[in-house]
Amino acid sequence: MSDTLLLGIDAGLTNVKGVVFDRSGTAVASATTETPGHSPEPGRDEQDHDDLWTATVDVVGDVLDAEAVDPEDVRGVGLAGHGHGLYALDEAGGPVCSVKSTDDRGADVLDEWASDGRLD
């Protein structure tokens, strides 16, 4: 058993992935679960905060429960995720609305601005 393990978590739009690496960079455990989303209309995608959190907790639990992993040996955690969405929170840190991960309603306006030079 290694004395130093690192946990990587990627909370993406379609999946949450977790991988535990040893000192040499070899993956010793991994897990993936789908992050459910919904499209209220074409060009808009949303996710529920609780669904994303639950998927992340499940993946972390799965990799830490792997036979090759002693959770006490995990010395660092790296996080990556979807960075261009809207994650609106209230004063207490609770969600105000679902995660707005994609919204293409302004695409026509941006195309117009690009063609007439307003984005230069």
N, C-alpha and C. Protein backbone atom coordinates (compact mmCIF):
# COMPACT_ATOMS: atom_id res chain seq x y z
N MET A 1 0.85 -1.19 0.00
CA MET A 1 0.00 0.00 0.00
C MET A 1 0.89 1.24 0.00
N SER A 2 0.55 2.18 -0.83
CA SER A 2 1.30 3.43 -0.94
C SER A 2 1.04 4.29 0.29
N ASP A 3 2.00 5.13 0.62
CA ASP A 3 1.77 6.05 1.74
C ASP A 3 1.33 7.43 1.25
N THR A 4 1.30 7.64 -0.05
CA THR A 4 0.85 8.91 -0.60
C THR A 4 -0.04 8.65 -1.81
N LEU A 5 -1.28 9.10 -1.69
CA LEU A 5 -2.24 9.00 -2.78
C LEU A 5 -2.83 10.38 -3.04
N LEU A 6 -3.21 10.62 -4.28
CA LEU A 6 -3.85 11.87 -4.67
C LEU A 6 -5.18 11.56 -5.33
N LEU A 7 -6.19 12.35 -5.01
CA LEU A 7 -7.53 12.16 -5.55
C LEU A 7 -7.84 13.28 -6.53
N GLY A 8 -8.22 12.92 -7.74
CA GLY A 8 -8.66 13.90 -8.72
C GLY A 8 -10.15 13.75 -8.96
N ILE A 9 -10.86 14.87 -8.99
CA ILE A 9 -12.30 14.88 -9.22
C ILE A 9 -12.60 15.83 -10.37
N ASP A 10 -13.35 15.34 -11.35
CA ASP A 10 -13.80 16.16 -12.47
C ASP A 10 -15.33 16.13 -12.48
N ALA A 11 -15.94 17.23 -12.05
CA ALA A 11 -17.40 17.33 -12.02
C ALA A 11 -17.85 18.02 -13.30
N GLY A 12 -18.12 17.23 -14.32
CA GLY A 12 -18.46 17.77 -15.62
C GLY A 12 -19.95 17.81 -15.89
N LEU A 13 -20.29 18.21 -17.10
CA LEU A 13 -21.69 18.35 -17.48
C LEU A 13 -22.38 17.02 -17.73
N THR A 14 -21.63 16.00 -18.11
CA THR A 14 -22.24 14.70 -18.39
C THR A 14 -21.89 13.64 -17.37
N ASN A 15 -20.71 13.76 -16.75
CA ASN A 15 -20.26 12.77 -15.77
C ASN A 15 -19.46 13.45 -14.68
N VAL A 16 -19.45 12.80 -13.51
CA VAL A 16 -18.47 13.11 -12.47
C VAL A 16 -17.50 11.94 -12.45
N LYS A 17 -16.21 12.26 -12.54
CA LYS A 17 -15.19 11.23 -12.55
C LYS A 17 -14.26 11.44 -11.36
N GLY A 18 -13.84 10.35 -10.76
CA GLY A 18 -12.87 10.40 -9.68
C GLY A 18 -11.77 9.39 -9.95
N VAL A 19 -10.53 9.78 -9.73
CA VAL A 19 -9.39 8.88 -9.92
C VAL A 19 -8.43 9.09 -8.76
N VAL A 20 -7.95 7.98 -8.19
CA VAL A 20 -6.92 8.03 -7.17
C VAL A 20 -5.61 7.58 -7.82
N PHE A 21 -4.58 8.39 -7.64
CA PHE A 21 -3.26 8.12 -8.21
C PHE A 21 -2.26 7.85 -7.09
N ASP A 22 -1.28 6.97 -7.39
CA ASP A 22 -0.18 6.78 -6.45
C ASP A 22 0.92 7.78 -6.76
N ARG A 23 2.02 7.69 -6.03
CA ARG A 23 3.14 8.63 -6.18
C ARG A 23 3.71 8.67 -7.59
N SER A 24 3.67 7.54 -8.28
CA SER A 24 4.26 7.48 -9.62
C SER A 24 3.30 7.98 -10.70
N GLY A 25 2.07 8.33 -10.31
CA GLY A 25 1.09 8.81 -11.28
C GLY A 25 0.22 7.71 -11.86
N THR A 26 0.35 6.52 -11.32
CA THR A 26 -0.47 5.40 -11.77
C THR A 26 -1.85 5.46 -11.12
N ALA A 27 -2.88 5.33 -11.93
CA ALA A 27 -4.24 5.29 -11.39
C ALA A 27 -4.44 3.97 -10.66
N VAL A 28 -4.84 4.04 -9.40
CA VAL A 28 -5.06 2.82 -8.61
C VAL A 28 -6.55 2.55 -8.39
N ALA A 29 -7.39 3.54 -8.63
CA ALA A 29 -8.84 3.36 -8.52
C ALA A 29 -9.53 4.48 -9.28
N SER A 30 -10.68 4.16 -9.86
CA SER A 30 -11.44 5.20 -10.56
C SER A 30 -12.92 4.85 -10.52
N ALA A 31 -13.73 5.88 -10.68
CA ALA A 31 -15.18 5.70 -10.72
C ALA A 31 -15.78 6.84 -11.52
N THR A 32 -16.90 6.57 -12.14
CA THR A 32 -17.61 7.57 -12.94
C THR A 32 -19.10 7.37 -12.73
N THR A 33 -19.82 8.47 -12.66
CA THR A 33 -21.28 8.39 -12.64
C THR A 33 -21.85 9.54 -13.46
N GLU A 34 -22.99 9.30 -14.04
CA GLU A 34 -23.64 10.30 -14.88
C GLU A 34 -24.20 11.43 -14.03
N THR A 35 -24.12 12.64 -14.56
CA THR A 35 -24.77 13.78 -13.92
C THR A 35 -26.01 14.12 -14.73
N PRO A 36 -27.17 13.80 -14.18
CA PRO A 36 -28.40 14.04 -14.94
C PRO A 36 -28.64 15.52 -15.16
N GLY A 37 -29.13 15.84 -16.31
CA GLY A 37 -29.48 17.21 -16.64
C GLY A 37 -30.79 17.23 -17.39
N HIS A 38 -31.28 18.40 -17.65
CA HIS A 38 -32.50 18.51 -18.45
C HIS A 38 -32.43 19.77 -19.31
N SER A 39 -33.18 19.75 -20.38
CA SER A 39 -33.24 20.87 -21.31
C SER A 39 -34.65 21.43 -21.32
N PRO A 40 -34.87 22.57 -20.65
CA PRO A 40 -36.21 23.13 -20.61
C PRO A 40 -36.69 23.61 -21.98
N GLU A 41 -35.74 23.89 -22.87
CA GLU A 41 -36.06 24.26 -24.25
C GLU A 41 -34.78 24.12 -25.07
N PRO A 42 -34.88 24.06 -26.39
CA PRO A 42 -33.67 23.91 -27.21
C PRO A 42 -32.65 25.02 -26.92
N GLY A 43 -31.37 24.62 -26.83
CA GLY A 43 -30.30 25.58 -26.58
C GLY A 43 -30.08 25.91 -25.12
N ARG A 44 -30.84 25.29 -24.23
CA ARG A 44 -30.68 25.53 -22.79
C ARG A 44 -30.54 24.19 -22.07
N ASP A 45 -29.50 24.07 -21.26
CA ASP A 45 -29.28 22.87 -20.45
C ASP A 45 -29.10 23.30 -19.01
N GLU A 46 -29.69 22.51 -18.11
CA GLU A 46 -29.63 22.81 -16.68
C GLU A 46 -29.34 21.54 -15.90
N GLN A 47 -28.79 21.73 -14.69
CA GLN A 47 -28.55 20.63 -13.77
C GLN A 47 -29.04 21.05 -12.39
N ASP A 48 -29.44 20.07 -11.62
CA ASP A 48 -29.84 20.31 -10.24
C ASP A 48 -28.61 20.27 -9.34
N HIS A 49 -28.46 21.25 -8.47
CA HIS A 49 -27.31 21.30 -7.55
C HIS A 49 -27.20 20.01 -6.74
N ASP A 50 -28.32 19.54 -6.21
CA ASP A 50 -28.30 18.34 -5.37
C ASP A 50 -27.89 17.11 -6.17
N ASP A 51 -28.32 17.00 -7.42
CA ASP A 51 -27.91 15.87 -8.25
C ASP A 51 -26.41 15.89 -8.49
N LEU A 52 -25.86 17.06 -8.76
CA LEU A 52 -24.41 17.18 -8.98
C LEU A 52 -23.64 16.84 -7.71
N TRP A 53 -24.11 17.32 -6.57
CA TRP A 53 -23.46 17.02 -5.29
C TRP A 53 -23.53 15.53 -5.00
N THR A 54 -24.70 14.92 -5.18
CA THR A 54 -24.87 13.50 -4.91
C THR A 54 -23.95 12.67 -5.80
N ALA A 55 -23.86 13.02 -7.08
CA ALA A 55 -22.97 12.30 -7.99
C ALA A 55 -21.52 12.41 -7.54
N THR A 56 -21.11 13.59 -7.08
CA THR A 56 -19.74 13.79 -6.62
C THR A 56 -19.47 12.97 -5.36
N VAL A 57 -20.38 13.00 -4.41
CA VAL A 57 -20.22 12.22 -3.17
C VAL A 57 -20.15 10.73 -3.49
N ASP A 58 -21.00 10.26 -4.40
CA ASP A 58 -20.99 8.84 -4.78
C ASP A 58 -19.66 8.43 -5.39
N VAL A 59 -19.13 9.25 -6.30
CA VAL A 59 -17.87 8.92 -6.95
C VAL A 59 -16.72 8.91 -5.95
N VAL A 60 -16.66 9.91 -5.09
CA VAL A 60 -15.59 9.96 -4.08
C VAL A 60 -15.70 8.73 -3.17
N GLY A 61 -16.90 8.40 -2.75
CA GLY A 61 -17.09 7.21 -1.92
C GLY A 61 -16.64 5.95 -2.62
N ASP A 62 -16.97 5.83 -3.90
CA ASP A 62 -16.58 4.63 -4.66
C ASP A 62 -15.07 4.48 -4.76
N VAL A 63 -14.35 5.55 -5.06
CA VAL A 63 -12.89 5.42 -5.20
C VAL A 63 -12.22 5.22 -3.84
N LEU A 64 -12.76 5.82 -2.80
CA LEU A 64 -12.15 5.63 -1.47
C LEU A 64 -12.46 4.26 -0.90
N ASP A 65 -13.53 3.61 -1.38
CA ASP A 65 -13.86 2.26 -0.94
C ASP A 65 -13.11 1.18 -1.72
N ALA A 66 -12.39 1.57 -2.76
CA ALA A 66 -11.66 0.59 -3.57
C ALA A 66 -10.62 -0.13 -2.72
N GLU A 67 -10.41 -1.40 -3.05
CA GLU A 67 -9.48 -2.23 -2.29
C GLU A 67 -8.07 -1.65 -2.25
N ALA A 68 -7.64 -1.01 -3.33
CA ALA A 68 -6.28 -0.48 -3.43
C ALA A 68 -6.10 0.86 -2.72
N VAL A 69 -7.16 1.38 -2.09
CA VAL A 69 -7.09 2.73 -1.50
C VAL A 69 -7.35 2.68 -0.01
N ASP A 70 -6.42 3.24 0.75
CA ASP A 70 -6.65 3.52 2.17
C ASP A 70 -6.90 5.02 2.26
N PRO A 71 -8.12 5.45 2.60
CA PRO A 71 -8.42 6.88 2.64
C PRO A 71 -7.43 7.70 3.48
N GLU A 72 -6.83 7.08 4.47
CA GLU A 72 -5.84 7.78 5.31
C GLU A 72 -4.59 8.17 4.52
N ASP A 73 -4.37 7.50 3.37
CA ASP A 73 -3.19 7.78 2.55
C ASP A 73 -3.40 8.90 1.54
N VAL A 74 -4.63 9.39 1.41
CA VAL A 74 -4.90 10.48 0.46
C VAL A 74 -4.34 11.77 1.04
N ARG A 75 -3.40 12.37 0.31
CA ARG A 75 -2.70 13.56 0.79
C ARG A 75 -3.09 14.84 0.07
N GLY A 76 -3.85 14.70 -1.01
CA GLY A 76 -4.25 15.89 -1.76
C GLY A 76 -5.45 15.59 -2.64
N VAL A 77 -6.20 16.65 -2.93
CA VAL A 77 -7.38 16.54 -3.79
C VAL A 77 -7.31 17.64 -4.84
N GLY A 78 -7.49 17.26 -6.09
CA GLY A 78 -7.56 18.22 -7.19
C GLY A 78 -8.96 18.23 -7.75
N LEU A 79 -9.47 19.42 -8.01
CA LEU A 79 -10.84 19.57 -8.51
C LEU A 79 -10.86 20.26 -9.87
N ALA A 80 -11.72 19.79 -10.73
CA ALA A 80 -11.98 20.44 -12.01
C ALA A 80 -13.46 20.30 -12.28
N GLY A 81 -13.99 21.23 -13.05
CA GLY A 81 -15.40 21.13 -13.34
C GLY A 81 -15.82 22.11 -14.40
N HIS A 82 -17.08 22.10 -14.66
CA HIS A 82 -17.68 23.00 -15.63
C HIS A 82 -17.54 24.41 -15.10
N GLY A 83 -16.91 25.29 -15.85
CA GLY A 83 -16.61 26.61 -15.34
C GLY A 83 -17.39 27.76 -15.92
N HIS A 84 -18.22 27.53 -16.92
CA HIS A 84 -18.87 28.66 -17.57
C HIS A 84 -20.37 28.69 -17.34
N GLY A 85 -20.83 28.00 -16.33
CA GLY A 85 -22.25 28.01 -16.03
C GLY A 85 -22.58 29.00 -14.92
N LEU A 86 -23.85 29.10 -14.63
CA LEU A 86 -24.33 29.96 -13.55
C LEU A 86 -24.74 29.07 -12.38
N TYR A 87 -24.05 29.21 -11.27
CA TYR A 87 -24.35 28.48 -10.05
C TYR A 87 -24.80 29.50 -9.01
N ALA A 88 -26.05 29.93 -9.08
CA ALA A 88 -26.56 31.00 -8.23
C ALA A 88 -26.85 30.47 -6.83
N LEU A 89 -26.28 31.16 -5.82
CA LEU A 89 -26.45 30.76 -4.42
C LEU A 89 -27.00 31.93 -3.61
N ASP A 90 -27.73 31.61 -2.56
CA ASP A 90 -28.24 32.66 -1.67
C ASP A 90 -27.21 32.98 -0.59
N GLU A 91 -27.57 33.85 0.34
CA GLU A 91 -26.65 34.29 1.40
C GLU A 91 -26.15 33.14 2.26
N ALA A 92 -26.95 32.09 2.40
CA ALA A 92 -26.58 30.94 3.23
C ALA A 92 -25.83 29.87 2.44
N GLY A 93 -25.59 30.12 1.15
CA GLY A 93 -24.88 29.16 0.32
C GLY A 93 -25.77 28.12 -0.33
N GLY A 94 -27.08 28.29 -0.23
CA GLY A 94 -28.02 27.36 -0.85
C GLY A 94 -28.35 27.77 -2.27
N PRO A 95 -28.76 26.80 -3.09
CA PRO A 95 -29.07 27.12 -4.49
C PRO A 95 -30.32 27.98 -4.63
N VAL A 96 -30.25 28.97 -5.52
CA VAL A 96 -31.38 29.83 -5.83
C VAL A 96 -32.21 29.21 -6.96
N CYS A 97 -31.52 28.55 -7.89
CA CYS A 97 -32.17 27.93 -9.04
C CYS A 97 -31.27 26.80 -9.51
N SER A 98 -31.71 26.08 -10.51
CA SER A 98 -30.88 25.02 -11.07
C SER A 98 -29.63 25.64 -11.72
N VAL A 99 -28.60 24.80 -11.90
CA VAL A 99 -27.38 25.24 -12.57
C VAL A 99 -27.71 25.50 -14.04
N LYS A 100 -27.39 26.68 -14.50
CA LYS A 100 -27.60 27.04 -15.91
C LYS A 100 -26.30 26.75 -16.64
N SER A 101 -26.20 25.57 -17.25
CA SER A 101 -24.93 25.16 -17.83
C SER A 101 -24.76 25.60 -19.28
N THR A 102 -25.84 25.73 -20.01
CA THR A 102 -25.78 26.19 -21.39
C THR A 102 -27.01 27.02 -21.68
N ASP A 103 -26.81 28.16 -22.31
CA ASP A 103 -27.95 28.99 -22.70
C ASP A 103 -27.56 29.74 -23.97
N ASP A 104 -28.10 29.30 -25.08
CA ASP A 104 -27.74 29.85 -26.39
C ASP A 104 -28.66 30.97 -26.86
N ARG A 105 -29.51 31.49 -26.01
CA ARG A 105 -30.48 32.49 -26.46
C ARG A 105 -29.82 33.77 -26.99
N GLY A 106 -28.61 34.08 -26.56
CA GLY A 106 -27.94 35.30 -27.02
C GLY A 106 -27.04 35.10 -28.22
N ALA A 107 -27.01 33.90 -28.79
CA ALA A 107 -26.09 33.60 -29.90
C ALA A 107 -26.31 34.51 -31.10
N ASP A 108 -27.55 34.79 -31.45
CA ASP A 108 -27.83 35.66 -32.60
C ASP A 108 -27.31 37.08 -32.37
N VAL A 109 -27.43 37.57 -31.16
CA VAL A 109 -26.93 38.91 -30.83
C VAL A 109 -25.41 38.95 -30.97
N LEU A 110 -24.73 37.93 -30.44
CA LEU A 110 -23.27 37.89 -30.56
C LEU A 110 -22.83 37.79 -32.01
N ASP A 111 -23.55 37.01 -32.81
CA ASP A 111 -23.22 36.92 -34.24
C ASP A 111 -23.33 38.29 -34.91
N GLU A 112 -24.38 39.02 -34.58
CA GLU A 112 -24.58 40.37 -35.14
C GLU A 112 -23.44 41.29 -34.73
N TRP A 113 -23.09 41.27 -33.44
CA TRP A 113 -22.02 42.13 -32.95
C TRP A 113 -20.69 41.78 -33.59
N ALA A 114 -20.45 40.49 -33.81
CA ALA A 114 -19.20 40.08 -34.45
C ALA A 114 -19.15 40.56 -35.90
N SER A 115 -20.28 40.49 -36.59
CA SER A 115 -20.29 40.87 -38.00
C SER A 115 -20.21 42.39 -38.20
N ASP A 116 -20.73 43.18 -37.25
CA ASP A 116 -20.68 44.64 -37.44
C ASP A 116 -19.50 45.29 -36.71
N GLY A 117 -18.61 44.47 -36.13
CA GLY A 117 -17.38 45.00 -35.54
C GLY A 117 -17.45 45.39 -34.08
N ARG A 118 -18.60 45.25 -33.44
CA ARG A 118 -18.70 45.66 -32.03
C ARG A 118 -17.87 44.80 -31.09
N LEU A 119 -17.45 43.65 -31.53
CA LEU A 119 -16.63 42.78 -30.68
C LEU A 119 -15.14 42.96 -30.93
N ASP A 120 -14.78 43.81 -31.88
CA ASP A 120 -13.35 44.03 -32.20
C ASP A 120 -12.67 44.83 -31.11
